[in-house]
Amino acid sequence: MSQELSVEATRLYRKIAKEWAIRDQAGQLLLRTAMQAFDEMGAARTVLETEGVYVHDRFKQTRLHPAAQREREARAHMLQALKSLNLDLSSLDEGPHAKT
């Protein structure tokens, strides 16, 4: 089953793939996995912005919203997939990938 990426995730996928010359299938799969997690993180964030970070359970106890945990897990998955790509992030402040 193929999950469609959001416009923002697709744009980010293309930018990273181009900048880091990710052309092999394994790298593309890892990058796609990272972008799917990016979308999941955004979806969870949208829920939290609407419903708040905390909810009350049936006993009126304040609890962390389940979407907060989902956002955290999605962020971890995204970062792990990006880390698995073995990108040399130390070169971000020099060379062709430097931020200006």
C-alpha atoms as a PDB file:
ATOM      1  CA  MET A   1       0.000   0.000   0.000  1.00  0.00           C
ATOM      2  CA  SER A   2       1.403   3.370  -1.002  1.00  0.00           C
ATOM      3  CA  GLN A   3       0.788   6.370   1.201  1.00  0.00           C
ATOM      4  CA  GLU A   4       0.625   9.689  -0.605  1.00  0.00           C
ATOM      5  CA  LEU A   5       2.824  12.444   0.749  1.00  0.00           C
ATOM      6  CA  SER A   6       1.549  15.927   1.457  1.00  0.00           C
ATOM      7  CA  VAL A   7       2.608  18.775  -0.787  1.00  0.00           C
ATOM      8  CA  GLU A   8       5.020  19.999   1.886  1.00  0.00           C
ATOM      9  CA  ALA A   9       6.546  16.541   2.422  1.00  0.00           C
ATOM     10  CA  THR A  10       6.854  16.000  -1.345  1.00  0.00           C
ATOM     11  CA  ARG A  11       8.648  19.325  -1.709  1.00  0.00           C
ATOM     12  CA  LEU A  12      10.987  18.455   1.162  1.00  0.00           C
ATOM     13  CA  TYR A  13      11.587  14.957  -0.256  1.00  0.00           C
ATOM     14  CA  ARG A  14      12.599  16.396  -3.626  1.00  0.00           C
ATOM     15  CA  LYS A  15      14.838  19.027  -2.060  1.00  0.00           C
ATOM     16  CA  ILE A  16      16.695  16.542   0.149  1.00  0.00           C
ATOM     17  CA  ALA A  17      16.962  13.933  -2.636  1.00  0.00           C
ATOM     18  CA  LYS A  18      18.422  16.551  -4.972  1.00  0.00           C
ATOM     19  CA  GLU A  19      20.784  18.199  -2.479  1.00  0.00           C
ATOM     20  CA  TRP A  20      22.153  14.890  -1.216  1.00  0.00           C
ATOM     21  CA  ALA A  21      21.943  13.060  -4.582  1.00  0.00           C
ATOM     22  CA  ILE A  22      19.822  10.242  -3.186  1.00  0.00           C
ATOM     23  CA  ARG A  23      19.211   8.042  -6.206  1.00  0.00           C
ATOM     24  CA  ASP A  24      19.401   4.471  -4.929  1.00  0.00           C
ATOM     25  CA  GLN A  25      16.176   2.661  -4.046  1.00  0.00           C
ATOM     26  CA  ALA A  26      17.159   2.029  -0.436  1.00  0.00           C
ATOM     27  CA  GLY A  27      17.936   5.689   0.118  1.00  0.00           C
ATOM     28  CA  GLN A  28      14.705   6.759  -1.548  1.00  0.00           C
ATOM     29  CA  LEU A  29      12.753   4.328   0.645  1.00  0.00           C
ATOM     30  CA  LEU A  30      14.379   5.697   3.802  1.00  0.00           C
ATOM     31  CA  LEU A  31      13.703   9.255   2.705  1.00  0.00           C
ATOM     32  CA  ARG A  32      10.080   8.412   1.867  1.00  0.00           C
ATOM     33  CA  THR A  33       9.707   6.779   5.279  1.00  0.00           C
ATOM     34  CA  ALA A  34      11.062   9.946   6.892  1.00  0.00           C
ATOM     35  CA  MET A  35       8.601  12.080   4.942  1.00  0.00           C
ATOM     36  CA  GLN A  36       5.668   9.822   5.871  1.00  0.00           C
ATOM     37  CA  ALA A  37       6.656  10.269   9.514  1.00  0.00           C
ATOM     38  CA  PHE A  38       6.938  14.025   8.851  1.00  0.00           C
ATOM     39  CA  ASP A  39       3.316  13.987   7.635  1.00  0.00           C
ATOM     40  CA  GLU A  40       2.182  11.932  10.648  1.00  0.00           C
ATOM     41  CA  MET A  41       3.925  14.402  12.930  1.00  0.00           C
ATOM     42  CA  GLY A  42       2.093  17.271  11.226  1.00  0.00           C
ATOM     43  CA  ALA A  43      -1.266  15.508  11.482  1.00  0.00           C
ATOM     44  CA  ALA A  44      -0.751  14.934  15.198  1.00  0.00           C
ATOM     45  CA  ARG A  45       0.276  18.576  15.639  1.00  0.00           C
ATOM     46  CA  THR A  46      -2.931  19.707  13.897  1.00  0.00           C
ATOM     47  CA  VAL A  47      -5.020  17.632  16.326  1.00  0.00           C
ATOM     48  CA  LEU A  48      -3.127  19.078  19.279  1.00  0.00           C
ATOM     49  CA  GLU A  49      -3.631  22.640  18.041  1.00  0.00           C
ATOM     50  CA  THR A  50      -7.376  21.992  17.811  1.00  0.00           C
ATOM     51  CA  GLU A  51      -7.968  19.857  20.888  1.00  0.00           C
ATOM     52  CA  GLY A  52      -5.108  20.894  23.160  1.00  0.00           C
ATOM     53  CA  VAL A  53      -2.190  18.966  24.591  1.00  0.00           C
ATOM     54  CA  TYR A  54      -4.169  17.677  27.571  1.00  0.00           C
ATOM     55  CA  VAL A  55      -7.458  15.806  27.834  1.00  0.00           C
ATOM     56  CA  HIS A  56      -9.548  14.601  30.748  1.00  0.00           C
ATOM     57  CA  ASP A  57     -10.207  10.916  31.192  1.00  0.00           C
ATOM     58  CA  ARG A  58     -13.468   9.411  32.418  1.00  0.00           C
ATOM     59  CA  PHE A  59     -12.357  10.081  36.007  1.00  0.00           C
ATOM     60  CA  LYS A  60     -11.762  13.774  35.192  1.00  0.00           C
ATOM     61  CA  GLN A  61      -7.996  13.298  35.534  1.00  0.00           C
ATOM     62  CA  THR A  62      -5.831  15.419  33.255  1.00  0.00           C
ATOM     63  CA  ARG A  63      -3.847  13.308  30.817  1.00  0.00           C
ATOM     64  CA  LEU A  64      -1.530  13.949  27.915  1.00  0.00           C
ATOM     65  CA  HIS A  65      -3.457  13.828  24.642  1.00  0.00           C
ATOM     66  CA  PRO A  66      -2.739  10.593  22.702  1.00  0.00           C
ATOM     67  CA  ALA A  67      -1.776  12.739  19.695  1.00  0.00           C
ATOM     68  CA  ALA A  68       1.130  14.148  21.726  1.00  0.00           C
ATOM     69  CA  GLN A  69       2.612  10.663  22.025  1.00  0.00           C
ATOM     70  CA  ARG A  70       1.955  10.053  18.323  1.00  0.00           C
ATOM     71  CA  GLU A  71       3.735  13.286  17.432  1.00  0.00           C
ATOM     72  CA  ARG A  72       6.734  12.287  19.541  1.00  0.00           C
ATOM     73  CA  GLU A  73       6.878   8.807  17.987  1.00  0.00           C
ATOM     74  CA  ALA A  74       6.573  10.197  14.457  1.00  0.00           C
ATOM     75  CA  ARG A  75       9.392  12.671  15.136  1.00  0.00           C
ATOM     76  CA  ALA A  76      11.597   9.849  16.426  1.00  0.00           C
ATOM     77  CA  HIS A  77      10.815   7.729  13.351  1.00  0.00           C
ATOM     78  CA  MET A  78      11.569  10.622  11.025  1.00  0.00           C
ATOM     79  CA  LEU A  79      14.878  11.374  12.706  1.00  0.00           C
ATOM     80  CA  GLN A  80      15.868   7.702  12.733  1.00  0.00           C
ATOM     81  CA  ALA A  81      15.119   7.342   9.014  1.00  0.00           C
ATOM     82  CA  LEU A  82      17.107  10.495   8.244  1.00  0.00           C
ATOM     83  CA  LYS A  83      19.964   9.255  10.424  1.00  0.00           C
ATOM     84  CA  SER A  84      19.910   5.933   8.557  1.00  0.00           C
ATOM     85  CA  LEU A  85      20.604   7.825   5.337  1.00  0.00           C
ATOM     86  CA  ASN A  86      24.086   8.597   6.731  1.00  0.00           C
ATOM     87  CA  LEU A  87      23.974  12.214   5.643  1.00  0.00           C
ATOM     88  CA  ASP A  88      27.028  14.183   6.724  1.00  0.00           C
ATOM     89  CA  LEU A  89      25.177  16.889   8.615  1.00  0.00           C
ATOM     90  CA  SER A  90      28.415  18.322  10.017  1.00  0.00           C
ATOM     91  CA  SER A  91      29.045  19.870   6.610  1.00  0.00           C
ATOM     92  CA  LEU A  92      25.894  21.998   6.777  1.00  0.00           C
ATOM     93  CA  ASP A  93      27.845  25.055   7.898  1.00  0.00           C
ATOM     94  CA  GLU A  94      30.354  24.780   5.057  1.00  0.00           C
ATOM     95  CA  GLY A  95      30.362  23.724   1.458  1.00  0.00           C
ATOM     96  CA  PRO A  96      27.441  23.381  -0.972  1.00  0.00           C
ATOM     97  CA  HIS A  97      24.892  22.550   1.726  1.00  0.00           C
ATOM     98  CA  ALA A  98      25.686  25.578   3.873  1.00  0.00           C
ATOM     99  CA  LYS A  99      22.823  27.740   5.061  1.00  0.00           C
ATOM    100  CA  THR A 100      23.150  31.364   4.094  1.00  0.00           C
END
